[in-house]
Amino acid sequence: MTYPTPYAVRLADEITRQLGQLSNDLHRLPADQAMQVTARILDPDNGVLGAFTQLVGTGSRIAKDQAERGSLPAEVWLALGRTANELNDIGLDLDDHTDILAQFGAPTSTATAKPPAPAPLVARRRR
């Protein structure tokens, strides 16, 4: 007897498909619209990155329980925990720039608008 695919598995498959579609669509957008979409994706409270970080954290806690019961190698739980921590750190790194990302592509006044100035692409990372 075959069992129906659980709803959560179908949902994960659908989300994966939609993220692929979003990535493809992002390539076709004008730069300002692409940055608006990117800002929404990276929004720490309501964006995909924040939700995905929370999802991996939940998976890590579930993996911990399974590892403590002996049904999952501890290395898997530790890897998920490290992944959740790294995603959280990425979100914290981006927190400094969310205001700029949110403003990018927003309508601006044409009276005092000045053309964008090129900037060197050198960034300092803090750790």
C-alpha atoms as a PDB file:
ATOM      1  CA  MET A   1       0.000   0.000   0.000  1.00  0.00           C
ATOM      2  CA  THR A   2       1.353   3.402  -0.919  1.00  0.00           C
ATOM      3  CA  TYR A   3       0.883   6.332   1.372  1.00  0.00           C
ATOM      4  CA  PRO A   4       0.061   9.823   0.133  1.00  0.00           C
ATOM      5  CA  THR A   5       2.857  12.346   0.239  1.00  0.00           C
ATOM      6  CA  PRO A   6       2.585  14.368   3.468  1.00  0.00           C
ATOM      7  CA  TYR A   7       1.405  17.950   3.099  1.00  0.00           C
ATOM      8  CA  ALA A   8       4.672  19.359   4.494  1.00  0.00           C
ATOM      9  CA  VAL A   9       6.688  17.530   1.824  1.00  0.00           C
ATOM     10  CA  ARG A  10       4.428  18.828  -0.948  1.00  0.00           C
ATOM     11  CA  LEU A  11       4.672  22.321   0.545  1.00  0.00           C
ATOM     12  CA  ALA A  12       8.490  22.143   0.629  1.00  0.00           C
ATOM     13  CA  ASP A  13       8.513  21.014  -3.006  1.00  0.00           C
ATOM     14  CA  GLU A  14       6.193  23.869  -4.012  1.00  0.00           C
ATOM     15  CA  ILE A  15       8.268  26.465  -2.134  1.00  0.00           C
ATOM     16  CA  THR A  16      11.415  25.157  -3.822  1.00  0.00           C
ATOM     17  CA  ARG A  17       9.751  25.415  -7.228  1.00  0.00           C
ATOM     18  CA  GLN A  18       8.556  28.963  -6.519  1.00  0.00           C
ATOM     19  CA  LEU A  19      11.994  30.068  -5.308  1.00  0.00           C
ATOM     20  CA  GLY A  20      13.487  28.788  -8.561  1.00  0.00           C
ATOM     21  CA  GLN A  21      10.836  30.684 -10.505  1.00  0.00           C
ATOM     22  CA  LEU A  22      11.531  33.834  -8.469  1.00  0.00           C
ATOM     23  CA  SER A  23      15.241  33.524  -9.191  1.00  0.00           C
ATOM     24  CA  ASN A  24      14.557  33.215 -12.917  1.00  0.00           C
ATOM     25  CA  ASP A  25      12.151  36.166 -12.863  1.00  0.00           C
ATOM     26  CA  LEU A  26      14.656  38.278 -10.924  1.00  0.00           C
ATOM     27  CA  HIS A  27      17.096  38.048 -13.844  1.00  0.00           C
ATOM     28  CA  ARG A  28      14.514  39.534 -16.190  1.00  0.00           C
ATOM     29  CA  LEU A  29      13.559  42.539 -14.043  1.00  0.00           C
ATOM     30  CA  PRO A  30      15.014  46.034 -14.454  1.00  0.00           C
ATOM     31  CA  ALA A  31      17.734  46.713 -11.888  1.00  0.00           C
ATOM     32  CA  ASP A  32      15.611  48.926  -9.613  1.00  0.00           C
ATOM     33  CA  GLN A  33      12.780  46.382  -9.487  1.00  0.00           C
ATOM     34  CA  ALA A  34      15.233  43.534  -8.948  1.00  0.00           C
ATOM     35  CA  MET A  35      16.663  45.398  -5.955  1.00  0.00           C
ATOM     36  CA  GLN A  36      13.158  45.949  -4.544  1.00  0.00           C
ATOM     37  CA  VAL A  37      12.505  42.218  -4.765  1.00  0.00           C
ATOM     38  CA  THR A  38      15.927  41.450  -3.289  1.00  0.00           C
ATOM     39  CA  ALA A  39      15.231  43.811  -0.383  1.00  0.00           C
ATOM     40  CA  ARG A  40      11.966  41.994   0.329  1.00  0.00           C
ATOM     41  CA  ILE A  41      13.717  38.633   0.182  1.00  0.00           C
ATOM     42  CA  LEU A  42      16.396  39.803   2.619  1.00  0.00           C
ATOM     43  CA  ASP A  43      13.977  41.561   5.007  1.00  0.00           C
ATOM     44  CA  PRO A  44      14.928  40.152   8.429  1.00  0.00           C
ATOM     45  CA  ASP A  45      11.370  40.209   9.774  1.00  0.00           C
ATOM     46  CA  ASN A  46       9.167  39.325   6.806  1.00  0.00           C
ATOM     47  CA  GLY A  47      11.567  38.080   4.142  1.00  0.00           C
ATOM     48  CA  VAL A  48      12.592  34.720   2.794  1.00  0.00           C
ATOM     49  CA  LEU A  49      16.011  34.816   4.481  1.00  0.00           C
ATOM     50  CA  GLY A  50      14.525  35.339   7.945  1.00  0.00           C
ATOM     51  CA  ALA A  51      11.907  32.645   7.413  1.00  0.00           C
ATOM     52  CA  PHE A  52      14.509  30.220   6.062  1.00  0.00           C
ATOM     53  CA  THR A  53      16.799  30.909   9.021  1.00  0.00           C
ATOM     54  CA  GLN A  54      13.914  30.141  11.373  1.00  0.00           C
ATOM     55  CA  LEU A  55      13.112  26.969   9.411  1.00  0.00           C
ATOM     56  CA  VAL A  56      16.695  25.688   9.632  1.00  0.00           C
ATOM     57  CA  GLY A  57      16.747  26.510  13.359  1.00  0.00           C
ATOM     58  CA  THR A  58      13.582  24.468  13.835  1.00  0.00           C
ATOM     59  CA  GLY A  59      15.131  21.612  11.862  1.00  0.00           C
ATOM     60  CA  SER A  60      18.209  21.828  14.075  1.00  0.00           C
ATOM     61  CA  ARG A  61      16.129  21.506  17.244  1.00  0.00           C
ATOM     62  CA  ILE A  62      14.292  18.501  15.799  1.00  0.00           C
ATOM     63  CA  ALA A  63      17.614  16.956  14.738  1.00  0.00           C
ATOM     64  CA  LYS A  64      18.946  17.468  18.274  1.00  0.00           C
ATOM     65  CA  ASP A  65      16.052  15.480  19.714  1.00  0.00           C
ATOM     66  CA  GLN A  66      16.614  12.722  17.153  1.00  0.00           C
ATOM     67  CA  ALA A  67      20.368  12.682  17.852  1.00  0.00           C
ATOM     68  CA  GLU A  68      19.747  12.406  21.595  1.00  0.00           C
ATOM     69  CA  ARG A  69      17.530   9.368  20.919  1.00  0.00           C
ATOM     70  CA  GLY A  70      20.259   7.819  18.781  1.00  0.00           C
ATOM     71  CA  SER A  71      18.234   7.761  15.569  1.00  0.00           C
ATOM     72  CA  LEU A  72      20.353  10.449  13.871  1.00  0.00           C
ATOM     73  CA  PRO A  73      24.126  10.931  13.943  1.00  0.00           C
ATOM     74  CA  ALA A  74      25.153  13.848  16.155  1.00  0.00           C
ATOM     75  CA  GLU A  75      27.185  15.246  13.248  1.00  0.00           C
ATOM     76  CA  VAL A  76      23.969  15.931  11.337  1.00  0.00           C
ATOM     77  CA  TRP A  77      22.507  17.890  14.244  1.00  0.00           C
ATOM     78  CA  LEU A  78      25.752  19.830  14.683  1.00  0.00           C
ATOM     79  CA  ALA A  79      25.888  20.657  10.966  1.00  0.00           C
ATOM     80  CA  LEU A  80      22.292  21.933  11.045  1.00  0.00           C
ATOM     81  CA  GLY A  81      23.069  24.001  14.134  1.00  0.00           C
ATOM     82  CA  ARG A  82      26.119  25.547  12.465  1.00  0.00           C
ATOM     83  CA  THR A  83      24.051  26.276   9.373  1.00  0.00           C
ATOM     84  CA  ALA A  84      21.371  28.009  11.441  1.00  0.00           C
ATOM     85  CA  ASN A  85      24.030  30.072  13.217  1.00  0.00           C
ATOM     86  CA  GLU A  86      25.694  31.056   9.930  1.00  0.00           C
ATOM     87  CA  LEU A  87      22.363  32.091   8.419  1.00  0.00           C
ATOM     88  CA  ASN A  88      21.665  34.179  11.509  1.00  0.00           C
ATOM     89  CA  ASP A  89      25.092  35.823  11.173  1.00  0.00           C
ATOM     90  CA  ILE A  90      24.374  36.597   7.515  1.00  0.00           C
ATOM     91  CA  GLY A  91      21.118  38.251   8.563  1.00  0.00           C
ATOM     92  CA  LEU A  92      22.971  40.303  11.172  1.00  0.00           C
ATOM     93  CA  ASP A  93      25.542  41.390   8.567  1.00  0.00           C
ATOM     94  CA  LEU A  94      22.716  42.513   6.285  1.00  0.00           C
ATOM     95  CA  ASP A  95      20.898  44.369   9.091  1.00  0.00           C
ATOM     96  CA  ASP A  96      23.268  47.305   8.592  1.00  0.00           C
ATOM     97  CA  HIS A  97      22.045  47.641   5.014  1.00  0.00           C
ATOM     98  CA  THR A  98      18.304  46.907   5.167  1.00  0.00           C
ATOM     99  CA  ASP A  99      17.337  50.595   5.168  1.00  0.00           C
ATOM    100  CA  ILE A 100      19.381  51.206   2.032  1.00  0.00           C
ATOM    101  CA  LEU A 101      17.979  48.110   0.346  1.00  0.00           C
ATOM    102  CA  ALA A 102      14.423  49.095   1.274  1.00  0.00           C
ATOM    103  CA  GLN A 103      14.906  52.588  -0.169  1.00  0.00           C
ATOM    104  CA  PHE A 104      16.470  51.351  -3.398  1.00  0.00           C
ATOM    105  CA  GLY A 105      14.081  51.630  -6.263  1.00  0.00           C
ATOM    106  CA  ALA A 106      11.605  53.761  -4.327  1.00  0.00           C
ATOM    107  CA  PRO A 107      10.293  56.810  -6.201  1.00  0.00           C
ATOM    108  CA  THR A 108      12.529  59.824  -5.709  1.00  0.00           C
ATOM    109  CA  SER A 109      12.072  63.503  -6.339  1.00  0.00           C
ATOM    110  CA  THR A 110      13.196  64.421  -9.839  1.00  0.00           C
ATOM    111  CA  ALA A 111      13.879  68.032  -8.892  1.00  0.00           C
ATOM    112  CA  THR A 112      17.011  67.278  -6.873  1.00  0.00           C
ATOM    113  CA  ALA A 113      17.864  63.853  -8.206  1.00  0.00           C
ATOM    114  CA  LYS A 114      21.506  63.439  -9.048  1.00  0.00           C
ATOM    115  CA  PRO A 115      22.861  60.600 -11.119  1.00  0.00           C
ATOM    116  CA  PRO A 116      24.284  57.654  -9.250  1.00  0.00           C
ATOM    117  CA  ALA A 117      28.011  57.863  -8.690  1.00  0.00           C
ATOM    118  CA  PRO A 118      30.135  54.780  -9.228  1.00  0.00           C
ATOM    119  CA  ALA A 119      31.729  53.402  -6.092  1.00  0.00           C
ATOM    120  CA  PRO A 120      34.675  51.073  -5.637  1.00  0.00           C
ATOM    121  CA  LEU A 121      33.502  47.549  -4.872  1.00  0.00           C
ATOM    122  CA  VAL A 122      35.685  47.037  -1.839  1.00  0.00           C
ATOM    123  CA  ALA A 123      33.892  46.097   1.333  1.00  0.00           C
ATOM    124  CA  ARG A 124      35.229  45.563   4.796  1.00  0.00           C
ATOM    125  CA  ARG A 125      33.736  42.677   6.726  1.00  0.00           C
ATOM    126  CA  ARG A 126      33.523  42.713  10.440  1.00  0.00           C
ATOM    127  CA  ARG A 127      33.817  39.491  12.385  1.00  0.00           C
END
